[in-house]
């Protein structure tokens, strides 16, 4: 009978050892699972932080891009508005030149003829200025029979050249010379 008792003890000990091994294995498995879960949570947190950083950088880039485009668009609109004002100023000045009384036009055109024309040149006047130019034309210059297709002033036709002394040309040159200065004075 003793052999049955020994067998039971041996069996009981084997079972106890197996339970202990199972408990230790379970404990190790739980520790491994906890370590894996902790590692997973850390990697997830790192990925989330990385994605949030990337998202924030992308959002900042988009916002900065829109801000830059908006600023450029606003400057472009302001420049357009300023250009319109400068255009109006020079258009108004041109209108005033065209409205000069006969005495002032005579002085202006006589000065231009003395500076620009040489003996033998022909003068092609604007229709509106034919009468004034015929009154002040210096000796050695002649008026053409046809009128120049211009608003005011005249064209000088010489041998091998032509000079545009129209009010349009005068204002265009004045604008080239003075536009920057005029804009500074208007917008300071």
N, C-alpha and C. Protein backbone atom coordinates (compact mmCIF):
# COMPACT_ATOMS: atom_id res chain seq x y z
N UNK A 1 0.78 -1.17 0.00
CA UNK A 1 0.00 0.00 0.00
C UNK A 1 0.84 1.25 0.00
N UNK A 2 1.96 0.98 0.51
CA UNK A 2 2.82 2.13 0.55
C UNK A 2 3.17 2.60 -0.84
N UNK A 3 3.24 1.73 -1.69
CA UNK A 3 3.58 2.15 -3.02
C UNK A 3 2.48 3.00 -3.61
N UNK A 4 1.25 2.80 -3.23
CA UNK A 4 0.16 3.65 -3.71
C UNK A 4 0.29 5.01 -3.05
N UNK A 5 0.61 5.07 -1.81
CA UNK A 5 0.78 6.34 -1.11
C UNK A 5 1.94 7.13 -1.69
N UNK A 6 3.01 6.42 -2.02
CA UNK A 6 4.16 7.10 -2.61
C UNK A 6 3.81 7.61 -4.01
N UNK A 7 3.03 6.79 -4.67
CA UNK A 7 2.61 7.19 -6.00
C UNK A 7 1.75 8.43 -5.91
N UNK A 8 0.86 8.48 -4.92
CA UNK A 8 -0.01 9.64 -4.76
C UNK A 8 0.81 10.87 -4.40
N UNK A 9 1.78 10.69 -3.55
CA UNK A 9 2.63 11.80 -3.17
C UNK A 9 3.42 12.30 -4.37
N UNK A 10 3.95 11.33 -5.11
CA UNK A 10 4.72 11.69 -6.30
C UNK A 10 3.83 12.41 -7.30
N UNK A 11 2.67 11.89 -7.48
CA UNK A 11 1.70 12.50 -8.40
C UNK A 11 1.29 13.87 -7.90
N UNK A 12 1.09 13.98 -6.62
CA UNK A 12 0.72 15.25 -6.02
C UNK A 12 1.86 16.25 -6.19
N UNK A 13 3.08 15.80 -6.01
CA UNK A 13 4.22 16.68 -6.17
C UNK A 13 4.40 17.12 -7.63
N UNK A 14 4.21 16.18 -8.54
CA UNK A 14 4.29 16.49 -9.96
C UNK A 14 3.23 17.54 -10.30
N UNK A 15 2.03 17.36 -9.79
CA UNK A 15 0.93 18.29 -10.05
C UNK A 15 1.26 19.65 -9.42
N UNK A 16 1.78 19.64 -8.20
CA UNK A 16 2.16 20.90 -7.54
C UNK A 16 3.27 21.61 -8.32
N UNK A 17 4.27 20.81 -8.78
CA UNK A 17 5.34 21.41 -9.58
C UNK A 17 4.78 21.98 -10.89
N UNK A 18 3.86 21.25 -11.49
CA UNK A 18 3.25 21.70 -12.76
C UNK A 18 2.45 22.97 -12.51
N UNK A 19 1.73 23.02 -11.39
CA UNK A 19 0.95 24.22 -11.06
C UNK A 19 1.90 25.40 -10.84
N UNK A 20 2.99 25.14 -10.13
CA UNK A 20 3.97 26.20 -9.88
C UNK A 20 4.60 26.68 -11.19
N UNK A 21 4.97 25.71 -12.04
CA UNK A 21 5.50 26.08 -13.36
C UNK A 21 4.47 26.87 -14.15
N UNK A 22 3.22 26.43 -14.10
CA UNK A 22 2.15 27.12 -14.84
C UNK A 22 1.96 28.53 -14.27
N UNK A 23 2.03 28.65 -12.95
CA UNK A 23 1.89 29.96 -12.31
C UNK A 23 3.03 30.88 -12.73
N UNK A 24 4.26 30.33 -12.72
CA UNK A 24 5.41 31.14 -13.12
C UNK A 24 5.33 31.51 -14.61
N UNK A 25 4.91 30.54 -15.40
CA UNK A 25 4.76 30.80 -16.83
C UNK A 25 3.69 31.86 -17.05
N UNK A 26 2.60 31.74 -16.30
CA UNK A 26 1.52 32.73 -16.40
C UNK A 26 2.02 34.11 -15.98
N UNK A 27 2.81 34.14 -14.90
CA UNK A 27 3.36 35.41 -14.41
C UNK A 27 4.29 36.01 -15.46
N UNK A 28 5.16 35.18 -16.05
CA UNK A 28 6.06 35.65 -17.09
C UNK A 28 5.26 36.14 -18.31
N UNK A 29 4.22 35.39 -18.66
CA UNK A 29 3.38 35.78 -19.80
C UNK A 29 2.70 37.11 -19.51
N UNK A 30 2.18 37.29 -18.29
CA UNK A 30 1.54 38.56 -17.93
C UNK A 30 2.55 39.71 -17.97
N UNK A 31 3.77 39.46 -17.48
CA UNK A 31 4.81 40.49 -17.53
C UNK A 31 5.17 40.83 -18.98
N UNK A 32 5.26 39.79 -19.81
CA UNK A 32 5.58 39.99 -21.22
C UNK A 32 4.45 40.78 -21.90
N UNK A 33 3.21 40.39 -21.60
CA UNK A 33 2.05 41.11 -22.17
C UNK A 33 2.05 42.56 -21.70
N UNK A 34 2.32 42.77 -20.42
CA UNK A 34 2.36 44.14 -19.88
C UNK A 34 3.48 44.94 -20.55
N UNK A 35 4.64 44.31 -20.75
CA UNK A 35 5.76 44.98 -21.40
C UNK A 35 5.41 45.30 -22.86
N UNK A 36 4.79 44.33 -23.52
CA UNK A 36 4.37 44.55 -24.92
C UNK A 36 3.35 45.68 -24.98
N UNK A 37 2.37 45.65 -24.09
CA UNK A 37 1.34 46.71 -24.06
C UNK A 37 1.96 48.07 -23.77
N UNK A 38 2.90 48.11 -22.85
CA UNK A 38 3.57 49.36 -22.50
C UNK A 38 4.38 49.87 -23.70
N UNK A 39 5.11 48.96 -24.33
CA UNK A 39 5.89 49.32 -25.51
C UNK A 39 4.95 49.81 -26.64
N UNK A 40 3.85 49.09 -26.83
CA UNK A 40 2.87 49.49 -27.84
C UNK A 40 2.31 50.88 -27.54
N UNK A 41 1.95 51.13 -26.29
CA UNK A 41 1.39 52.42 -25.92
C UNK A 41 2.43 53.55 -26.14
N UNK A 42 3.70 53.25 -25.82
CA UNK A 42 4.74 54.25 -26.05
C UNK A 42 4.92 54.53 -27.54
N UNK A 43 4.91 53.45 -28.35
CA UNK A 43 5.04 53.64 -29.80
C UNK A 43 3.83 54.39 -30.36
N UNK A 44 2.65 54.07 -29.88
CA UNK A 44 1.44 54.77 -30.33
C UNK A 44 1.53 56.25 -29.95
N UNK A 45 1.94 56.53 -28.72
CA UNK A 45 2.08 57.92 -28.27
C UNK A 45 3.13 58.66 -29.12
N UNK A 46 4.23 57.97 -29.44
CA UNK A 46 5.28 58.59 -30.27
C UNK A 46 4.75 58.85 -31.68
N UNK A 47 4.03 57.88 -32.23
CA UNK A 47 3.44 58.07 -33.57
C UNK A 47 2.43 59.21 -33.57
N UNK A 48 1.60 59.26 -32.55
CA UNK A 48 0.60 60.34 -32.45
C UNK A 48 1.32 61.69 -32.37
N UNK A 49 2.35 61.77 -31.53
CA UNK A 49 3.11 63.02 -31.39
C UNK A 49 3.76 63.39 -32.72
N UNK A 50 4.33 62.40 -33.41
CA UNK A 50 4.97 62.65 -34.71
C UNK A 50 3.94 63.14 -35.73
N UNK A 51 2.79 62.49 -35.78
CA UNK A 51 1.73 62.89 -36.72
C UNK A 51 1.16 64.27 -36.37
N UNK A 52 1.02 64.53 -35.07
CA UNK A 52 0.54 65.85 -34.67
C UNK A 52 1.54 66.94 -35.06
N UNK A 53 2.82 66.64 -34.87
CA UNK A 53 3.86 67.60 -35.25
C UNK A 53 3.83 67.83 -36.76
N UNK A 54 3.71 66.75 -37.51
CA UNK A 54 3.64 66.85 -38.98
C UNK A 54 2.39 67.62 -39.40
N UNK A 55 1.27 67.29 -38.76
CA UNK A 55 0.01 67.99 -39.07
C UNK A 55 0.14 69.48 -38.76
N UNK A 56 0.71 69.80 -37.59
CA UNK A 56 0.88 71.21 -37.21
C UNK A 56 1.77 71.94 -38.21
N UNK A 57 2.84 71.26 -38.65
CA UNK A 57 3.74 71.88 -39.64
C UNK A 57 3.00 72.09 -40.96
N UNK A 58 2.20 71.11 -41.37
CA UNK A 58 1.45 71.26 -42.61
C UNK A 58 0.41 72.38 -42.49
N UNK A 59 -0.28 72.42 -41.37
CA UNK A 59 -1.27 73.49 -41.15
C UNK A 59 -0.58 74.85 -41.16
N UNK A 60 0.56 74.93 -40.48
CA UNK A 60 1.31 76.19 -40.47
C UNK A 60 1.72 76.57 -41.88
N UNK A 61 2.20 75.59 -42.65
CA UNK A 61 2.59 75.85 -44.03
C UNK A 61 1.42 76.35 -44.86
N UNK A 62 0.28 75.74 -44.69
CA UNK A 62 -0.92 76.16 -45.44
C UNK A 62 -1.34 77.56 -45.02
N UNK A 63 -1.38 77.79 -43.71
CA UNK A 63 -1.77 79.12 -43.21
C UNK A 63 -0.78 80.18 -43.67
N UNK A 64 0.51 79.88 -43.55
CA UNK A 64 1.53 80.84 -43.99
C UNK A 64 1.42 81.10 -45.49
N UNK A 65 1.16 80.05 -46.25
CA UNK A 65 0.98 80.21 -47.69
C UNK A 65 -0.21 81.10 -48.01
N UNK A 66 -1.32 80.86 -47.33
CA UNK A 66 -2.50 81.71 -47.54
C UNK A 66 -2.24 83.15 -47.09
N UNK A 67 -1.53 83.28 -45.99
CA UNK A 67 -1.21 84.63 -45.49
C UNK A 67 -0.33 85.36 -46.50
N UNK A 68 0.66 84.67 -47.04
CA UNK A 68 1.55 85.28 -48.03
C UNK A 68 0.78 85.66 -49.28
N UNK A 69 -0.07 84.73 -49.77
CA UNK A 69 -0.87 85.03 -50.97
C UNK A 69 -1.83 86.18 -50.71
N UNK A 70 -2.41 86.22 -49.52
CA UNK A 70 -3.33 87.32 -49.18
C UNK A 70 -2.58 88.65 -49.14
N UNK A 71 -1.40 88.64 -48.55
CA UNK A 71 -0.60 89.86 -48.48
C UNK A 71 -0.22 90.33 -49.88
N UNK A 72 0.22 89.38 -50.71
CA UNK A 72 0.58 89.74 -52.09
C UNK A 72 -0.62 90.26 -52.85
N UNK A 73 -1.77 89.61 -52.65
CA UNK A 73 -3.00 90.03 -53.33
C UNK A 73 -3.40 91.44 -52.87
N UNK A 74 -3.27 91.70 -51.57
CA UNK A 74 -3.60 93.03 -51.05
C UNK A 74 -2.65 94.08 -51.62
N UNK A 75 -1.36 93.74 -51.70
CA UNK A 75 -0.39 94.68 -52.27
C UNK A 75 -0.68 94.91 -53.74
N UNK A 76 -1.04 93.85 -54.42
CA UNK A 76 -1.36 93.96 -55.85
C UNK A 76 -2.57 94.87 -56.05
N UNK A 77 -3.58 94.71 -55.21
CA UNK A 77 -4.77 95.56 -55.30
C UNK A 77 -4.43 97.01 -54.97
N UNK A 78 -3.60 97.21 -53.94
CA UNK A 78 -3.19 98.57 -53.58
C UNK A 78 -2.40 99.21 -54.72
N UNK A 79 -1.52 98.43 -55.33
CA UNK A 79 -0.74 98.93 -56.46
C UNK A 79 -1.65 99.27 -57.63
N UNK A 80 -2.64 98.43 -57.86
CA UNK A 80 -3.60 98.68 -58.93
C UNK A 80 -4.36 99.99 -58.65
N UNK A 81 -4.79 100.16 -57.41
CA UNK A 81 -5.50 101.39 -57.03
C UNK A 81 -4.60 102.61 -57.20
N UNK A 82 -3.34 102.47 -56.79
CA UNK A 82 -2.41 103.59 -56.94
C UNK A 82 -2.17 103.89 -58.41
N UNK A 83 -2.03 102.84 -59.20
CA UNK A 83 -1.82 103.01 -60.65
C UNK A 83 -3.00 103.77 -61.25
N UNK A 84 -4.21 103.42 -60.84
CA UNK A 84 -5.40 104.11 -61.36
C UNK A 84 -5.38 105.59 -60.98
N UNK A 85 -4.95 105.88 -59.76
CA UNK A 85 -4.88 107.28 -59.33
C UNK A 85 -3.84 108.04 -60.15
N UNK A 86 -2.67 107.42 -60.33
CA UNK A 86 -1.61 108.06 -61.13
C UNK A 86 -2.11 108.26 -62.57
N UNK A 87 -2.79 107.25 -63.11
CA UNK A 87 -3.36 107.38 -64.46
C UNK A 87 -4.31 108.58 -64.53
N UNK A 88 -5.16 108.71 -63.52
CA UNK A 88 -6.12 109.82 -63.51
C UNK A 88 -5.42 111.17 -63.42
N UNK A 89 -4.35 111.21 -62.63
CA UNK A 89 -3.60 112.46 -62.50
C UNK A 89 -2.99 112.86 -63.84
N UNK A 90 -2.34 111.92 -64.51
CA UNK A 90 -1.72 112.25 -65.79
C UNK A 90 -2.77 112.50 -66.88
N UNK A 91 -3.88 111.78 -66.83
CA UNK A 91 -4.97 112.05 -67.79
C UNK A 91 -5.54 113.46 -67.58
N UNK A 92 -5.69 113.83 -66.31
CA UNK A 92 -6.20 115.17 -66.01
C UNK A 92 -5.20 116.23 -66.48
N UNK A 93 -3.90 115.97 -66.29
CA UNK A 93 -2.89 116.92 -66.75
C UNK A 93 -2.94 117.03 -68.28
N UNK A 94 -3.11 115.93 -68.97
CA UNK A 94 -3.20 115.95 -70.43
C UNK A 94 -4.42 116.75 -70.88
N UNK A 95 -5.52 116.53 -70.20
CA UNK A 95 -6.74 117.28 -70.52
C UNK A 95 -6.49 118.78 -70.33
N UNK A 96 -5.77 119.13 -69.27
CA UNK A 96 -5.48 120.56 -69.03
C UNK A 96 -4.58 121.14 -70.12
N UNK A 97 -3.62 120.35 -70.60
CA UNK A 97 -2.77 120.82 -71.69
C UNK A 97 -3.61 121.09 -72.94
N UNK A 98 -4.55 120.18 -73.20
CA UNK A 98 -5.42 120.35 -74.38
C UNK A 98 -6.35 121.55 -74.22
N UNK A 99 -6.61 121.96 -72.99
CA UNK A 99 -7.50 123.09 -72.74
C UNK A 99 -6.77 124.42 -72.57
N UNK A 100 -5.44 124.42 -72.77
CA UNK A 100 -4.69 125.68 -72.64
C UNK A 100 -5.28 126.73 -73.59
N UNK A 101 -5.29 127.97 -73.13
CA UNK A 101 -5.79 129.03 -74.03
C UNK A 101 -4.79 129.25 -75.16
N UNK A 102 -5.21 129.98 -76.18
CA UNK A 102 -4.40 130.15 -77.39
C UNK A 102 -3.03 130.75 -77.10
N UNK A 103 -2.96 131.73 -76.22
CA UNK A 103 -1.66 132.37 -75.92
C UNK A 103 -0.68 131.38 -75.29
N UNK A 104 -1.15 130.57 -74.36
CA UNK A 104 -0.26 129.60 -73.72
C UNK A 104 0.14 128.50 -74.70
N UNK A 105 -0.77 128.10 -75.55
CA UNK A 105 -0.44 127.09 -76.57
C UNK A 105 0.59 127.64 -77.56
N UNK A 106 0.41 128.91 -77.94
CA UNK A 106 1.38 129.53 -78.86
C UNK A 106 2.77 129.51 -78.25
N UNK A 107 2.88 129.89 -76.97
CA UNK A 107 4.18 129.91 -76.29
C UNK A 107 4.78 128.51 -76.22
N UNK A 108 3.96 127.54 -75.86
CA UNK A 108 4.42 126.16 -75.76
C UNK A 108 4.90 125.65 -77.11
N UNK A 109 4.09 125.83 -78.15
CA UNK A 109 4.44 125.31 -79.47
C UNK A 109 5.63 126.05 -80.08
N UNK A 110 5.72 127.36 -79.87
CA UNK A 110 6.85 128.13 -80.38
C UNK A 110 8.15 127.65 -79.73
N UNK A 111 8.11 127.41 -78.43
CA UNK A 111 9.28 126.90 -77.72
C UNK A 111 9.69 125.53 -78.28
N UNK A 112 8.72 124.66 -78.49
CA UNK A 112 9.01 123.33 -79.03
C UNK A 112 9.59 123.42 -80.45
N UNK A 113 9.03 124.31 -81.27
CA UNK A 113 9.53 124.47 -82.64
C UNK A 113 10.98 124.94 -82.64
N UNK A 114 11.31 125.88 -81.77
CA UNK A 114 12.68 126.39 -81.69
C UNK A 114 13.66 125.30 -81.22
N UNK A 115 13.22 124.42 -80.32
CA UNK A 115 14.10 123.39 -79.78
C UNK A 115 14.19 122.14 -80.67
N UNK A 116 13.14 121.83 -81.39
CA UNK A 116 13.08 120.56 -82.09
C UNK A 116 13.22 120.65 -83.61
N UNK A 117 12.80 121.74 -84.22
CA UNK A 117 12.77 121.84 -85.69
C UNK A 117 14.00 122.55 -86.22
N UNK A 118 14.36 122.20 -87.44
CA UNK A 118 15.45 122.89 -88.13
C UNK A 118 14.92 123.38 -89.48
N UNK A 119 15.61 124.35 -90.03
CA UNK A 119 15.22 124.96 -91.29
C UNK A 119 15.01 123.86 -92.34
N UNK A 120 13.90 123.95 -93.06
CA UNK A 120 13.56 122.99 -94.09
C UNK A 120 12.59 121.91 -93.62
N UNK A 121 12.38 121.80 -92.31
CA UNK A 121 11.42 120.80 -91.81
C UNK A 121 10.00 121.21 -92.17
N UNK A 122 9.16 120.20 -92.30
CA UNK A 122 7.73 120.45 -92.52
C UNK A 122 6.99 120.10 -91.23
N UNK A 123 5.99 120.89 -90.94
CA UNK A 123 5.22 120.71 -89.71
C UNK A 123 3.84 120.19 -90.08
N UNK A 124 3.48 119.02 -89.50
CA UNK A 124 2.15 118.42 -89.72
C UNK A 124 1.36 118.63 -88.43
N UNK A 125 0.44 119.61 -88.43
CA UNK A 125 -0.26 119.96 -87.19
C UNK A 125 -1.47 119.06 -86.92
N UNK A 126 -1.87 119.05 -85.65
CA UNK A 126 -3.17 118.46 -85.32
C UNK A 126 -4.22 119.41 -85.89
N UNK A 127 -5.34 118.87 -86.30
CA UNK A 127 -6.39 119.70 -86.90
C UNK A 127 -6.75 120.86 -85.96
N UNK A 128 -6.82 120.58 -84.66
CA UNK A 128 -7.22 121.60 -83.68
C UNK A 128 -6.18 122.71 -83.54
N UNK A 129 -4.93 122.46 -83.94
CA UNK A 129 -3.86 123.44 -83.75
C UNK A 129 -3.34 124.04 -85.05
N UNK A 130 -3.95 123.75 -86.18
CA UNK A 130 -3.49 124.28 -87.47
C UNK A 130 -3.47 125.80 -87.45
N UNK A 131 -4.54 126.43 -87.00
CA UNK A 131 -4.63 127.90 -87.03
C UNK A 131 -3.55 128.53 -86.15
N UNK A 132 -3.34 128.00 -84.96
CA UNK A 132 -2.34 128.55 -84.04
C UNK A 132 -0.94 128.40 -84.64
N UNK A 133 -0.63 127.22 -85.17
CA UNK A 133 0.70 126.99 -85.74
C UNK A 133 0.96 127.85 -86.98
N UNK A 134 -0.09 128.09 -87.77
CA UNK A 134 0.10 128.94 -88.96
C UNK A 134 0.44 130.37 -88.54
N UNK A 135 0.01 130.80 -87.35
CA UNK A 135 0.28 132.15 -86.87
C UNK A 135 1.71 132.30 -86.32
N UNK A 136 2.29 131.24 -85.79
CA UNK A 136 3.58 131.35 -85.09
C UNK A 136 4.73 130.65 -85.81
N UNK A 137 4.47 130.04 -86.96
CA UNK A 137 5.47 129.24 -87.64
C UNK A 137 6.71 130.06 -87.98
N UNK A 138 7.88 129.68 -87.46
CA UNK A 138 9.11 130.41 -87.76
C UNK A 138 9.49 130.28 -89.24
N UNK A 139 10.27 131.23 -89.71
CA UNK A 139 10.73 131.19 -91.10
C UNK A 139 11.57 129.95 -91.32
N UNK A 140 11.47 129.40 -92.52
CA UNK A 140 12.23 128.20 -92.87
C UNK A 140 11.47 126.93 -92.62
N UNK A 141 10.30 127.02 -91.99
CA UNK A 141 9.46 125.85 -91.74
C UNK A 141 8.16 126.03 -92.52
N UNK A 142 7.57 124.91 -92.95
CA UNK A 142 6.30 124.98 -93.69
C UNK A 142 5.31 124.01 -93.08
N UNK A 143 4.03 124.37 -93.20
CA UNK A 143 2.95 123.49 -92.75
C UNK A 143 2.60 122.54 -93.89
N UNK A 144 2.32 121.28 -93.55
CA UNK A 144 1.85 120.33 -94.55
C UNK A 144 0.38 120.62 -94.84
N UNK A 145 -0.10 120.12 -95.96
CA UNK A 145 -1.52 120.30 -96.30
C UNK A 145 -2.41 119.37 -95.49
N UNK A 146 -1.86 118.26 -95.05
CA UNK A 146 -2.69 117.32 -94.29
C UNK A 146 -2.46 117.48 -92.79
N UNK A 147 -3.49 117.10 -92.04
CA UNK A 147 -3.41 117.18 -90.57
C UNK A 147 -2.92 115.85 -90.01
N UNK A 148 -2.20 115.93 -88.91
CA UNK A 148 -1.75 114.71 -88.22
C UNK A 148 -2.91 114.13 -87.42
N UNK A 149 -3.03 112.82 -87.38
CA UNK A 149 -4.11 112.19 -86.61
C UNK A 149 -3.79 112.15 -85.11
N UNK A 150 -3.68 113.32 -84.50
CA UNK A 150 -3.34 113.45 -83.09
C UNK A 150 -4.30 114.44 -82.43
N UNK A 151 -4.35 114.44 -81.11
CA UNK A 151 -5.27 115.32 -80.36
C UNK A 151 -4.81 116.77 -80.36
N UNK A 152 -3.53 116.97 -80.24
CA UNK A 152 -3.00 118.32 -80.19
C UNK A 152 -1.52 118.30 -80.46
N UNK A 153 -0.96 119.48 -80.82
CA UNK A 153 0.45 119.56 -81.11
C UNK A 153 0.73 119.36 -82.58
N UNK A 154 1.89 118.77 -82.88
CA UNK A 154 2.30 118.62 -84.28
C UNK A 154 3.35 117.53 -84.40
N UNK A 155 3.65 117.19 -85.65
CA UNK A 155 4.76 116.30 -85.96
C UNK A 155 5.72 117.07 -86.85
N UNK A 156 7.00 116.86 -86.63
CA UNK A 156 8.03 117.48 -87.47
C UNK A 156 8.51 116.42 -88.46
N UNK A 157 8.42 116.78 -89.74
CA UNK A 157 8.88 115.85 -90.77
C UNK A 157 10.11 116.45 -91.42
N UNK A 158 11.24 115.80 -91.23
CA UNK A 158 12.50 116.26 -91.79
C UNK A 158 13.00 115.28 -92.84
N UNK A 159 14.18 115.49 -93.30
CA UNK A 159 14.77 114.59 -94.29
C UNK A 159 15.26 113.34 -93.57
N UNK A 160 14.51 112.26 -93.73
CA UNK A 160 14.90 110.98 -93.13
C UNK A 160 14.49 110.79 -91.68
N UNK A 161 13.70 111.67 -91.14
CA UNK A 161 13.27 111.48 -89.74
C UNK A 161 11.90 112.16 -89.53
N UNK A 162 11.29 111.77 -88.44
CA UNK A 162 10.03 112.38 -88.02
C UNK A 162 10.05 112.46 -86.51
N UNK A 163 9.66 113.60 -85.97
CA UNK A 163 9.59 113.79 -84.52
C UNK A 163 8.14 114.00 -84.12
N UNK A 164 7.75 113.33 -83.08
CA UNK A 164 6.37 113.45 -82.59
C UNK A 164 6.35 114.50 -81.48
N UNK A 165 5.77 115.64 -81.76
CA UNK A 165 5.63 116.71 -80.78
C UNK A 165 4.15 116.89 -80.43
N UNK A 166 3.41 115.78 -80.45
CA UNK A 166 2.00 115.84 -80.10
C UNK A 166 1.85 115.96 -78.59
N UNK A 167 0.70 116.41 -78.16
CA UNK A 167 0.47 116.49 -76.71
C UNK A 167 0.50 115.09 -76.11
N UNK A 168 0.07 114.10 -76.89
CA UNK A 168 0.13 112.71 -76.40
C UNK A 168 1.58 112.31 -76.13
N UNK A 169 2.47 112.61 -77.08
CA UNK A 169 3.89 112.26 -76.92
C UNK A 169 4.53 113.04 -75.78
N UNK A 170 4.18 114.32 -75.67
CA UNK A 170 4.72 115.15 -74.59
C UNK A 170 4.32 114.57 -73.24
N UNK A 171 3.04 114.21 -73.10
CA UNK A 171 2.55 113.66 -71.83
C UNK A 171 3.15 112.28 -71.56
N UNK A 172 3.33 111.48 -72.62
CA UNK A 172 3.94 110.16 -72.43
C UNK A 172 5.37 110.31 -71.92
N UNK A 173 6.12 111.24 -72.49
CA UNK A 173 7.50 111.48 -72.05
C UNK A 173 7.52 112.04 -70.63
N UNK A 174 6.62 112.97 -70.36
CA UNK A 174 6.53 113.55 -69.01
C UNK A 174 6.21 112.44 -68.00
N UNK A 175 5.32 111.57 -68.38
CA UNK A 175 4.95 110.48 -67.47
C UNK A 175 6.15 109.57 -67.22
N UNK A 176 6.89 109.22 -68.27
CA UNK A 176 8.09 108.38 -68.09
C UNK A 176 9.08 109.06 -67.16
N UNK A 177 9.24 110.37 -67.33
CA UNK A 177 10.22 111.10 -66.54
C UNK A 177 9.77 111.34 -65.09
N UNK A 178 8.48 111.53 -64.89
CA UNK A 178 8.01 112.02 -63.59
C UNK A 178 7.07 111.08 -62.84
N UNK A 179 6.73 109.94 -63.39
CA UNK A 179 5.73 109.08 -62.75
C UNK A 179 6.14 108.63 -61.35
N UNK A 180 7.38 108.22 -61.18
CA UNK A 180 7.83 107.76 -59.87
C UNK A 180 7.76 108.89 -58.85
N UNK A 181 8.23 110.05 -59.24
CA UNK A 181 8.19 111.21 -58.35
C UNK A 181 6.76 111.59 -58.01
N UNK A 182 5.89 111.58 -59.02
CA UNK A 182 4.48 111.92 -58.78
C UNK A 182 3.84 110.92 -57.82
N UNK A 183 4.13 109.65 -58.01
CA UNK A 183 3.57 108.63 -57.11
C UNK A 183 4.06 108.83 -55.68
N UNK A 184 5.34 109.17 -55.53
CA UNK A 184 5.86 109.43 -54.16
C UNK A 184 5.11 110.56 -53.50
N UNK A 185 4.91 111.64 -54.27
CA UNK A 185 4.23 112.81 -53.69
C UNK A 185 2.77 112.48 -53.37
N UNK A 186 2.15 111.66 -54.20
CA UNK A 186 0.74 111.34 -53.97
C UNK A 186 0.55 110.41 -52.78
N UNK A 187 1.51 109.50 -52.55
CA UNK A 187 1.27 108.45 -51.57
C UNK A 187 2.18 108.49 -50.35
N UNK A 188 2.87 109.60 -50.14
CA UNK A 188 3.71 109.70 -48.93
C UNK A 188 2.87 109.95 -47.73
